PDB file of N, CA and C in Angstrom:
ATOM      1  N   UNK A   1      79.729 109.926 -66.870  1.00  0.00           N
ATOM      2  CA  UNK A   1      80.398 109.815 -68.141  1.00  0.00           C
ATOM      3  C   UNK A   1      81.296 111.040 -68.339  1.00  0.00           C
ATOM      4  N   UNK A   2      82.522 110.797 -68.710  1.00  0.00           N
ATOM      5  CA  UNK A   2      83.492 111.862 -68.914  1.00  0.00           C
ATOM      6  C   UNK A   2      83.476 112.295 -70.380  1.00  0.00           C
ATOM      7  N   UNK A   3      83.469 113.604 -70.575  1.00  0.00           N
ATOM      8  CA  UNK A   3      83.491 114.160 -71.922  1.00  0.00           C
ATOM      9  C   UNK A   3      84.911 114.606 -72.210  1.00  0.00           C
ATOM     10  N   UNK A   4      85.451 114.156 -73.346  1.00  0.00           N
ATOM     11  CA  UNK A   4      86.807 114.537 -73.712  1.00  0.00           C
ATOM     12  C   UNK A   4      86.784 115.831 -74.498  1.00  0.00           C
ATOM     13  N   UNK A   5      87.476 116.840 -73.976  1.00  0.00           N
ATOM     14  CA  UNK A   5      87.554 118.154 -74.607  1.00  0.00           C
ATOM     15  C   UNK A   5      89.008 118.521 -74.848  1.00  0.00           C
ATOM     16  N   UNK A   6      89.253 119.306 -75.887  1.00  0.00           N
ATOM     17  CA  UNK A   6      90.602 119.820 -76.111  1.00  0.00           C
ATOM     18  C   UNK A   6      90.904 120.857 -75.035  1.00  0.00           C
ATOM     19  N   UNK A   7      92.129 121.293 -74.963  1.00  0.00           N
ATOM     20  CA  UNK A   7      92.526 122.291 -73.960  1.00  0.00           C
ATOM     21  C   UNK A   7      91.714 123.576 -74.135  1.00  0.00           C
ATOM     22  N   UNK A   8      91.570 124.033 -75.366  1.00  0.00           N
ATOM     23  CA  UNK A   8      90.811 125.261 -75.629  1.00  0.00           C
ATOM     24  C   UNK A   8      89.335 125.066 -75.309  1.00  0.00           C
ATOM     25  N   UNK A   9      88.777 123.931 -75.687  1.00  0.00           N
ATOM     26  CA  UNK A   9      87.383 123.657 -75.381  1.00  0.00           C
ATOM     27  C   UNK A   9      87.155 123.611 -73.874  1.00  0.00           C
ATOM     28  N   UNK A  10      88.106 123.049 -73.141  1.00  0.00           N
ATOM     29  CA  UNK A  10      87.985 122.997 -71.687  1.00  0.00           C
ATOM     30  C   UNK A  10      88.023 124.398 -71.086  1.00  0.00           C
ATOM     31  N   UNK A  11      88.881 125.276 -71.614  1.00  0.00           N
ATOM     32  CA  UNK A  11      88.931 126.660 -71.137  1.00  0.00           C
ATOM     33  C   UNK A  11      87.599 127.361 -71.359  1.00  0.00           C
ATOM     34  N   UNK A  12      87.001 127.126 -72.522  1.00  0.00           N
ATOM     35  CA  UNK A  12      85.716 127.754 -72.843  1.00  0.00           C
ATOM     36  C   UNK A  12      84.626 127.246 -71.910  1.00  0.00           C
ATOM     37  N   UNK A  13      84.544 125.942 -71.715  1.00  0.00           N
ATOM     38  CA  UNK A  13      83.497 125.376 -70.857  1.00  0.00           C
ATOM     39  C   UNK A  13      83.714 125.768 -69.397  1.00  0.00           C
ATOM     40  N   UNK A  14      84.966 125.884 -68.961  1.00  0.00           N
ATOM     41  CA  UNK A  14      85.253 126.341 -67.601  1.00  0.00           C
ATOM     42  C   UNK A  14      84.776 127.773 -67.402  1.00  0.00           C
ATOM     43  N   UNK A  15      84.999 128.608 -68.405  1.00  0.00           N
ATOM     44  CA  UNK A  15      84.556 130.004 -68.342  1.00  0.00           C
ATOM     45  C   UNK A  15      83.034 130.071 -68.260  1.00  0.00           C
ATOM     46  N   UNK A  16      82.353 129.252 -69.049  1.00  0.00           N
ATOM     47  CA  UNK A  16      80.892 129.290 -69.118  1.00  0.00           C
ATOM     48  C   UNK A  16      80.204 128.525 -67.981  1.00  0.00           C
ATOM     49  N   UNK A  17      80.937 127.755 -67.210  1.00  0.00           N
ATOM     50  CA  UNK A  17      80.331 126.866 -66.219  1.00  0.00           C
ATOM     51  C   UNK A  17      79.647 127.584 -65.068  1.00  0.00           C
ATOM     52  N   UNK A  18      79.857 128.890 -64.928  1.00  0.00           N
ATOM     53  CA  UNK A  18      79.177 129.621 -63.851  1.00  0.00           C
ATOM     54  C   UNK A  18      77.721 129.920 -64.188  1.00  0.00           C
ATOM     55  N   UNK A  19      77.287 129.631 -65.430  1.00  0.00           N
ATOM     56  CA  UNK A  19      75.901 129.835 -65.820  1.00  0.00           C
ATOM     57  C   UNK A  19      75.541 131.270 -66.165  1.00  0.00           C
ATOM     58  N   UNK A  20      76.502 132.169 -66.067  1.00  0.00           N
ATOM     59  CA  UNK A  20      76.261 133.570 -66.390  1.00  0.00           C
ATOM     60  C   UNK A  20      76.569 133.822 -67.862  1.00  0.00           C
ATOM     61  N   UNK A  21      75.970 134.859 -68.447  1.00  0.00           N
ATOM     62  CA  UNK A  21      76.300 135.179 -69.832  1.00  0.00           C
ATOM     63  C   UNK A  21      77.701 135.770 -69.950  1.00  0.00           C
ATOM     64  N   UNK A  22      78.425 135.364 -70.994  1.00  0.00           N
ATOM     65  CA  UNK A  22      79.777 135.859 -71.233  1.00  0.00           C
ATOM     66  C   UNK A  22      79.849 136.453 -72.634  1.00  0.00           C
ATOM     67  N   UNK A  23      80.486 137.603 -72.731  1.00  0.00           N
ATOM     68  CA  UNK A  23      80.588 138.308 -74.000  1.00  0.00           C
ATOM     69  C   UNK A  23      81.453 137.541 -74.992  1.00  0.00           C
ATOM     70  N   UNK A  24      81.164 137.763 -76.254  1.00  0.00           N
ATOM     71  CA  UNK A  24      81.897 137.138 -77.338  1.00  0.00           C
ATOM     72  C   UNK A  24      83.396 137.402 -77.204  1.00  0.00           C
ATOM     73  N   UNK A  25      83.767 138.620 -76.906  1.00  0.00           N
ATOM     74  CA  UNK A  25      85.178 138.989 -76.791  1.00  0.00           C
ATOM     75  C   UNK A  25      85.887 138.209 -75.688  1.00  0.00           C
ATOM     76  N   UNK A  26      85.166 137.944 -74.609  1.00  0.00           N
ATOM     77  CA  UNK A  26      85.742 137.184 -73.490  1.00  0.00           C
ATOM     78  C   UNK A  26      86.090 135.758 -73.923  1.00  0.00           C
ATOM     79  N   UNK A  27      85.208 135.151 -74.708  1.00  0.00           N
ATOM     80  CA  UNK A  27      85.464 133.794 -75.181  1.00  0.00           C
ATOM     81  C   UNK A  27      86.520 133.778 -76.276  1.00  0.00           C
ATOM     82  N   UNK A  28      86.548 134.795 -77.116  1.00  0.00           N
ATOM     83  CA  UNK A  28      87.562 134.871 -78.168  1.00  0.00           C
ATOM     84  C   UNK A  28      88.964 134.950 -77.561  1.00  0.00           C
ATOM     85  N   UNK A  29      89.088 135.568 -76.409  1.00  0.00           N
ATOM     86  CA  UNK A  29      90.388 135.676 -75.749  1.00  0.00           C
ATOM     87  C   UNK A  29      90.913 134.305 -75.308  1.00  0.00           C
ATOM     88  N   UNK A  30      90.044 133.327 -75.184  1.00  0.00           N
ATOM     89  CA  UNK A  30      90.457 131.987 -74.764  1.00  0.00           C
ATOM     90  C   UNK A  30      90.978 131.139 -75.921  1.00  0.00           C
ATOM     91  N   UNK A  31      90.688 131.564 -77.154  1.00  0.00           N
ATOM     92  CA  UNK A  31      91.152 130.837 -78.338  1.00  0.00           C
ATOM     93  C   UNK A  31      92.582 131.284 -78.623  1.00  0.00           C
ATOM     94  N   UNK A  32      93.537 130.351 -78.670  1.00  0.00           N
ATOM     95  CA  UNK A  32      94.947 130.719 -78.759  1.00  0.00           C
ATOM     96  C   UNK A  32      95.343 131.459 -80.042  1.00  0.00           C
ATOM     97  N   UNK A  33      94.652 131.246 -81.141  1.00  0.00           N
ATOM     98  CA  UNK A  33      95.021 131.876 -82.407  1.00  0.00           C
ATOM     99  C   UNK A  33      94.174 133.118 -82.633  1.00  0.00           C
ATOM    100  N   UNK A  34      94.716 134.288 -82.283  1.00  0.00           N
ATOM    101  CA  UNK A  34      93.959 135.533 -82.407  1.00  0.00           C
ATOM    102  C   UNK A  34      93.632 135.854 -83.857  1.00  0.00           C
ATOM    103  N   UNK A  35      94.416 135.336 -84.805  1.00  0.00           N
ATOM    104  CA  UNK A  35      94.190 135.625 -86.214  1.00  0.00           C
ATOM    105  C   UNK A  35      93.041 134.811 -86.797  1.00  0.00           C
ATOM    106  N   UNK A  36      92.596 133.785 -86.090  1.00  0.00           N
ATOM    107  CA  UNK A  36      91.546 132.915 -86.613  1.00  0.00           C
ATOM    108  C   UNK A  36      90.177 133.598 -86.605  1.00  0.00           C
ATOM    109  N   UNK A  37      89.948 134.521 -85.688  1.00  0.00           N
ATOM    110  CA  UNK A  37      88.700 135.267 -85.652  1.00  0.00           C
ATOM    111  C   UNK A  37      87.512 134.476 -85.141  1.00  0.00           C
ATOM    112  N   UNK A  38      86.324 134.914 -85.575  1.00  0.00           N
ATOM    113  CA  UNK A  38      85.071 134.323 -85.111  1.00  0.00           C
ATOM    114  C   UNK A  38      84.910 132.861 -85.520  1.00  0.00           C
ATOM    115  N   UNK A  39      85.476 132.491 -86.658  1.00  0.00           N
ATOM    116  CA  UNK A  39      85.322 131.123 -87.156  1.00  0.00           C
ATOM    117  C   UNK A  39      85.900 130.094 -86.185  1.00  0.00           C
ATOM    118  N   UNK A  40      87.060 130.383 -85.617  1.00  0.00           N
ATOM    119  CA  UNK A  40      87.690 129.432 -84.693  1.00  0.00           C
ATOM    120  C   UNK A  40      86.820 129.225 -83.461  1.00  0.00           C
ATOM    121  N   UNK A  41      86.309 130.320 -82.894  1.00  0.00           N
ATOM    122  CA  UNK A  41      85.440 130.200 -81.730  1.00  0.00           C
ATOM    123  C   UNK A  41      84.164 129.454 -82.092  1.00  0.00           C
ATOM    124  N   UNK A  42      83.583 129.765 -83.232  1.00  0.00           N
ATOM    125  CA  UNK A  42      82.361 129.084 -83.667  1.00  0.00           C
ATOM    126  C   UNK A  42      82.596 127.587 -83.816  1.00  0.00           C
ATOM    127  N   UNK A  43      83.737 127.199 -84.347  1.00  0.00           N
ATOM    128  CA  UNK A  43      84.065 125.777 -84.492  1.00  0.00           C
ATOM    129  C   UNK A  43      84.212 125.098 -83.136  1.00  0.00           C
ATOM    130  N   UNK A  44      84.887 125.765 -82.202  1.00  0.00           N
ATOM    131  CA  UNK A  44      85.040 125.199 -80.855  1.00  0.00           C
ATOM    132  C   UNK A  44      83.675 125.041 -80.182  1.00  0.00           C
ATOM    133  N   UNK A  45      82.828 126.061 -80.289  1.00  0.00           N
ATOM    134  CA  UNK A  45      81.505 125.995 -79.674  1.00  0.00           C
ATOM    135  C   UNK A  45      80.666 124.874 -80.288  1.00  0.00           C
ATOM    136  N   UNK A  46      80.741 124.709 -81.600  1.00  0.00           N
ATOM    137  CA  UNK A  46      79.991 123.636 -82.268  1.00  0.00           C
ATOM    138  C   UNK A  46      80.445 122.266 -81.777  1.00  0.00           C
ATOM    139  N   UNK A  47      81.746 122.083 -81.632  1.00  0.00           N
ATOM    140  CA  UNK A  47      82.274 120.801 -81.161  1.00  0.00           C
ATOM    141  C   UNK A  47      81.882 120.539 -79.708  1.00  0.00           C
ATOM    142  N   UNK A  48      81.922 121.592 -78.884  1.00  0.00           N
ATOM    143  CA  UNK A  48      81.511 121.440 -77.478  1.00  0.00           C
ATOM    144  C   UNK A  48      80.035 121.068 -77.412  1.00  0.00           C
ATOM    145  N   UNK A  49      79.204 121.766 -78.165  1.00  0.00           N
ATOM    146  CA  UNK A  49      77.763 121.480 -78.169  1.00  0.00           C
ATOM    147  C   UNK A  49      77.484 120.030 -78.551  1.00  0.00           C
ATOM    148  N   UNK A  50      78.176 119.544 -79.556  1.00  0.00           N
ATOM    149  CA  UNK A  50      78.003 118.160 -80.002  1.00  0.00           C
ATOM    150  C   UNK A  50      78.322 117.183 -78.875  1.00  0.00           C
ATOM    151  N   UNK A  51      79.298 117.516 -78.069  1.00  0.00           N
ATOM    152  CA  UNK A  51      79.733 116.625 -76.990  1.00  0.00           C
ATOM    153  C   UNK A  51      78.848 116.717 -75.753  1.00  0.00           C
ATOM    154  N   UNK A  52      78.292 117.898 -75.450  1.00  0.00           N
ATOM    155  CA  UNK A  52      77.536 118.052 -74.196  1.00  0.00           C
ATOM    156  C   UNK A  52      76.027 117.873 -74.360  1.00  0.00           C
ATOM    157  N   UNK A  53      75.504 117.994 -75.556  1.00  0.00           N
ATOM    158  CA  UNK A  53      74.050 117.828 -75.747  1.00  0.00           C
ATOM    159  C   UNK A  53      73.542 116.465 -75.310  1.00  0.00           C
ATOM    160  N   UNK A  54      74.255 115.364 -75.595  1.00  0.00           N
ATOM    161  CA  UNK A  54      73.772 114.066 -75.101  1.00  0.00           C
ATOM    162  C   UNK A  54      73.719 113.992 -73.573  1.00  0.00           C
ATOM    163  N   UNK A  55      74.429 114.885 -72.893  1.00  0.00           N
ATOM    164  CA  UNK A  55      74.434 114.920 -71.431  1.00  0.00           C
ATOM    165  C   UNK A  55      73.336 115.833 -70.881  1.00  0.00           C
ATOM    166  N   UNK A  56      72.496 116.402 -71.786  1.00  0.00           N
ATOM    167  CA  UNK A  56      71.412 117.286 -71.347  1.00  0.00           C
ATOM    168  C   UNK A  56      71.872 118.703 -71.097  1.00  0.00           C
ATOM    169  N   UNK A  57      72.942 119.131 -71.758  1.00  0.00           N
ATOM    170  CA  UNK A  57      73.470 120.479 -71.594  1.00  0.00           C
ATOM    171  C   UNK A  57      73.622 121.126 -72.964  1.00  0.00           C
ATOM    172  N   UNK A  58      73.753 122.451 -72.979  1.00  0.00           N
ATOM    173  CA  UNK A  58      73.957 123.156 -74.238  1.00  0.00           C
ATOM    174  C   UNK A  58      74.616 124.500 -73.945  1.00  0.00           C
ATOM    175  N   UNK A  59      75.067 125.145 -75.001  1.00  0.00           N
ATOM    176  CA  UNK A  59      75.563 126.514 -74.927  1.00  0.00           C
ATOM    177  C   UNK A  59      74.631 127.338 -75.796  1.00  0.00           C
ATOM    178  N   UNK A  60      74.008 128.337 -75.194  1.00  0.00           N
ATOM    179  CA  UNK A  60      73.082 129.164 -75.945  1.00  0.00           C
ATOM    180  C   UNK A  60      73.697 130.528 -76.210  1.00  0.00           C
ATOM    181  N   UNK A  61      73.232 131.144 -77.270  1.00  0.00           N
ATOM    182  CA  UNK A  61      73.670 132.489 -77.637  1.00  0.00           C
ATOM    183  C   UNK A  61      72.502 133.425 -77.390  1.00  0.00           C
ATOM    184  N   UNK A  62      72.773 134.524 -76.694  1.00  0.00           N
ATOM    185  CA  UNK A  62      71.751 135.516 -76.393  1.00  0.00           C
ATOM    186  C   UNK A  62      72.259 136.886 -76.820  1.00  0.00           C
ATOM    187  N   UNK A  63      71.334 137.760 -77.164  1.00  0.00           N
ATOM    188  CA  UNK A  63      71.700 139.146 -77.421  1.00  0.00           C
ATOM    189  C   UNK A  63      71.221 139.966 -76.239  1.00  0.00           C
ATOM    190  N   UNK A  64      72.175 140.506 -75.487  1.00  0.00           N
ATOM    191  CA  UNK A  64      71.881 141.308 -74.307  1.00  0.00           C
ATOM    192  C   UNK A  64      72.501 142.675 -74.534  1.00  0.00           C
ATOM    193  N   UNK A  65      71.672 143.699 -74.506  1.00  0.00           N
ATOM    194  CA  UNK A  65      72.125 145.066 -74.781  1.00  0.00           C
ATOM    195  C   UNK A  65      72.901 145.141 -76.088  1.00  0.00           C
ATOM    196  N   UNK A  66      72.340 144.473 -77.107  1.00  0.00           N
ATOM    197  CA  UNK A  66      72.900 144.460 -78.466  1.00  0.00           C
ATOM    198  C   UNK A  66      74.280 143.825 -78.559  1.00  0.00           C
ATOM    199  N   UNK A  67      74.610 142.994 -77.607  1.00  0.00           N
ATOM    200  CA  UNK A  67      75.884 142.270 -77.622  1.00  0.00           C
ATOM    201  C   UNK A  67      75.600 140.770 -77.581  1.00  0.00           C
ATOM    202  N   UNK A  68      76.325 140.041 -78.398  1.00  0.00           N
ATOM    203  CA  UNK A  68      76.200 138.588 -78.412  1.00  0.00           C
ATOM    204  C   UNK A  68      76.886 138.033 -77.174  1.00  0.00           C
ATOM    205  N   UNK A  69      76.135 137.233 -76.400  1.00  0.00           N
ATOM    206  CA  UNK A  69      76.686 136.622 -75.196  1.00  0.00           C
ATOM    207  C   UNK A  69      76.299 135.148 -75.169  1.00  0.00           C
ATOM    208  N   UNK A  70      77.151 134.353 -74.526  1.00  0.00           N
ATOM    209  CA  UNK A  70      76.969 132.906 -74.495  1.00  0.00           C
ATOM    210  C   UNK A  70      76.805 132.441 -73.058  1.00  0.00           C
ATOM    211  N   UNK A  71      75.995 131.380 -72.906  1.00  0.00           N
ATOM    212  CA  UNK A  71      75.720 130.844 -71.574  1.00  0.00           C
ATOM    213  C   UNK A  71      75.637 129.322 -71.660  1.00  0.00           C
ATOM    214  N   UNK A  72      76.194 128.637 -70.666  1.00  0.00           N
ATOM    215  CA  UNK A  72      76.121 127.176 -70.550  1.00  0.00           C
ATOM    216  C   UNK A  72      74.871 126.865 -69.732  1.00  0.00           C
ATOM    217  N   UNK A  73      73.975 126.045 -70.292  1.00  0.00           N
ATOM    218  CA  UNK A  73      72.709 125.757 -69.626  1.00  0.00           C
ATOM    219  C   UNK A  73      72.461 124.260 -69.549  1.00  0.00           C
ATOM    220  N   UNK A  74      71.625 123.886 -68.620  1.00  0.00           N
ATOM    221  CA  UNK A  74      71.129 122.514 -68.497  1.00  0.00           C
ATOM    222  C   UNK A  74      69.772 122.483 -69.186  1.00  0.00           C
ATOM    223  N   UNK A  75      69.574 121.542 -70.078  1.00  0.00           N
ATOM    224  CA  UNK A  75      68.317 121.440 -70.803  1.00  0.00           C
ATOM    225  C   UNK A  75      67.234 120.848 -69.904  1.00  0.00           C
ATOM    226  N   UNK A  76      66.015 121.315 -70.070  1.00  0.00           N
ATOM    227  CA  UNK A  76      64.912 120.807 -69.265  1.00  0.00           C
ATOM    228  C   UNK A  76      64.523 119.388 -69.640  1.00  0.00           C
ATOM    229  N   UNK A  77      64.666 119.066 -70.911  1.00  0.00           N
ATOM    230  CA  UNK A  77      64.310 117.734 -71.378  1.00  0.00           C
ATOM    231  C   UNK A  77      65.386 117.250 -72.340  1.00  0.00           C
ATOM    232  N   UNK A  78      65.847 116.053 -72.127  1.00  0.00           N
ATOM    233  CA  UNK A  78      66.807 115.471 -73.049  1.00  0.00           C
ATOM    234  C   UNK A  78      66.427 114.016 -73.309  1.00  0.00           C
ATOM    235  N   UNK A  79      67.007 113.446 -74.321  1.00  0.00           N
ATOM    236  CA  UNK A  79      66.714 112.061 -74.681  1.00  0.00           C
ATOM    237  C   UNK A  79      67.162 111.091 -73.594  1.00  0.00           C
ATOM    238  N   UNK A  80      68.094 111.510 -72.736  1.00  0.00           N
ATOM    239  CA  UNK A  80      68.653 110.611 -71.718  1.00  0.00           C
ATOM    240  C   UNK A  80      67.948 110.667 -70.368  1.00  0.00           C
ATOM    241  N   UNK A  81      66.925 111.521 -70.211  1.00  0.00           N
ATOM    242  CA  UNK A  81      66.337 111.641 -68.878  1.00  0.00           C
ATOM    243  C   UNK A  81      65.135 110.721 -68.654  1.00  0.00           C
ATOM    244  N   UNK A  82      64.766 109.938 -69.666  1.00  0.00           N
ATOM    245  CA  UNK A  82      63.704 108.964 -69.494  1.00  0.00           C
ATOM    246  C   UNK A  82      62.302 109.520 -69.658  1.00  0.00           C
ATOM    247  N   UNK A  83      62.147 110.814 -69.896  1.00  0.00           N
ATOM    248  CA  UNK A  83      60.828 111.427 -70.078  1.00  0.00           C
ATOM    249  C   UNK A  83      60.390 111.297 -71.538  1.00  0.00           C
ATOM    250  N   UNK A  84      59.103 111.253 -71.745  1.00  0.00           N
ATOM    251  CA  UNK A  84      58.565 111.209 -73.114  1.00  0.00           C
ATOM    252  C   UNK A  84      57.510 112.241 -73.291  1.00  0.00           C
TER     253      UNK A  84
END
């Protein structure tokens, strides 16, 4: 199943697809409107999460060395994997 993402959402998911944590500033640089701030990134992340969660994936936020970092993960259990 193909997930339709905007250009900015695709840039964010491509950055996160390596499974490593990425700093907030790194993801903010991918949002074209620098004046939008944290809200624009938060909106993009929320929309991406809504689209990828049914596929058994998510974007998690972690605090590493007092810095907010994001990671794309595969969920261990999802509604679509047939487990109960």
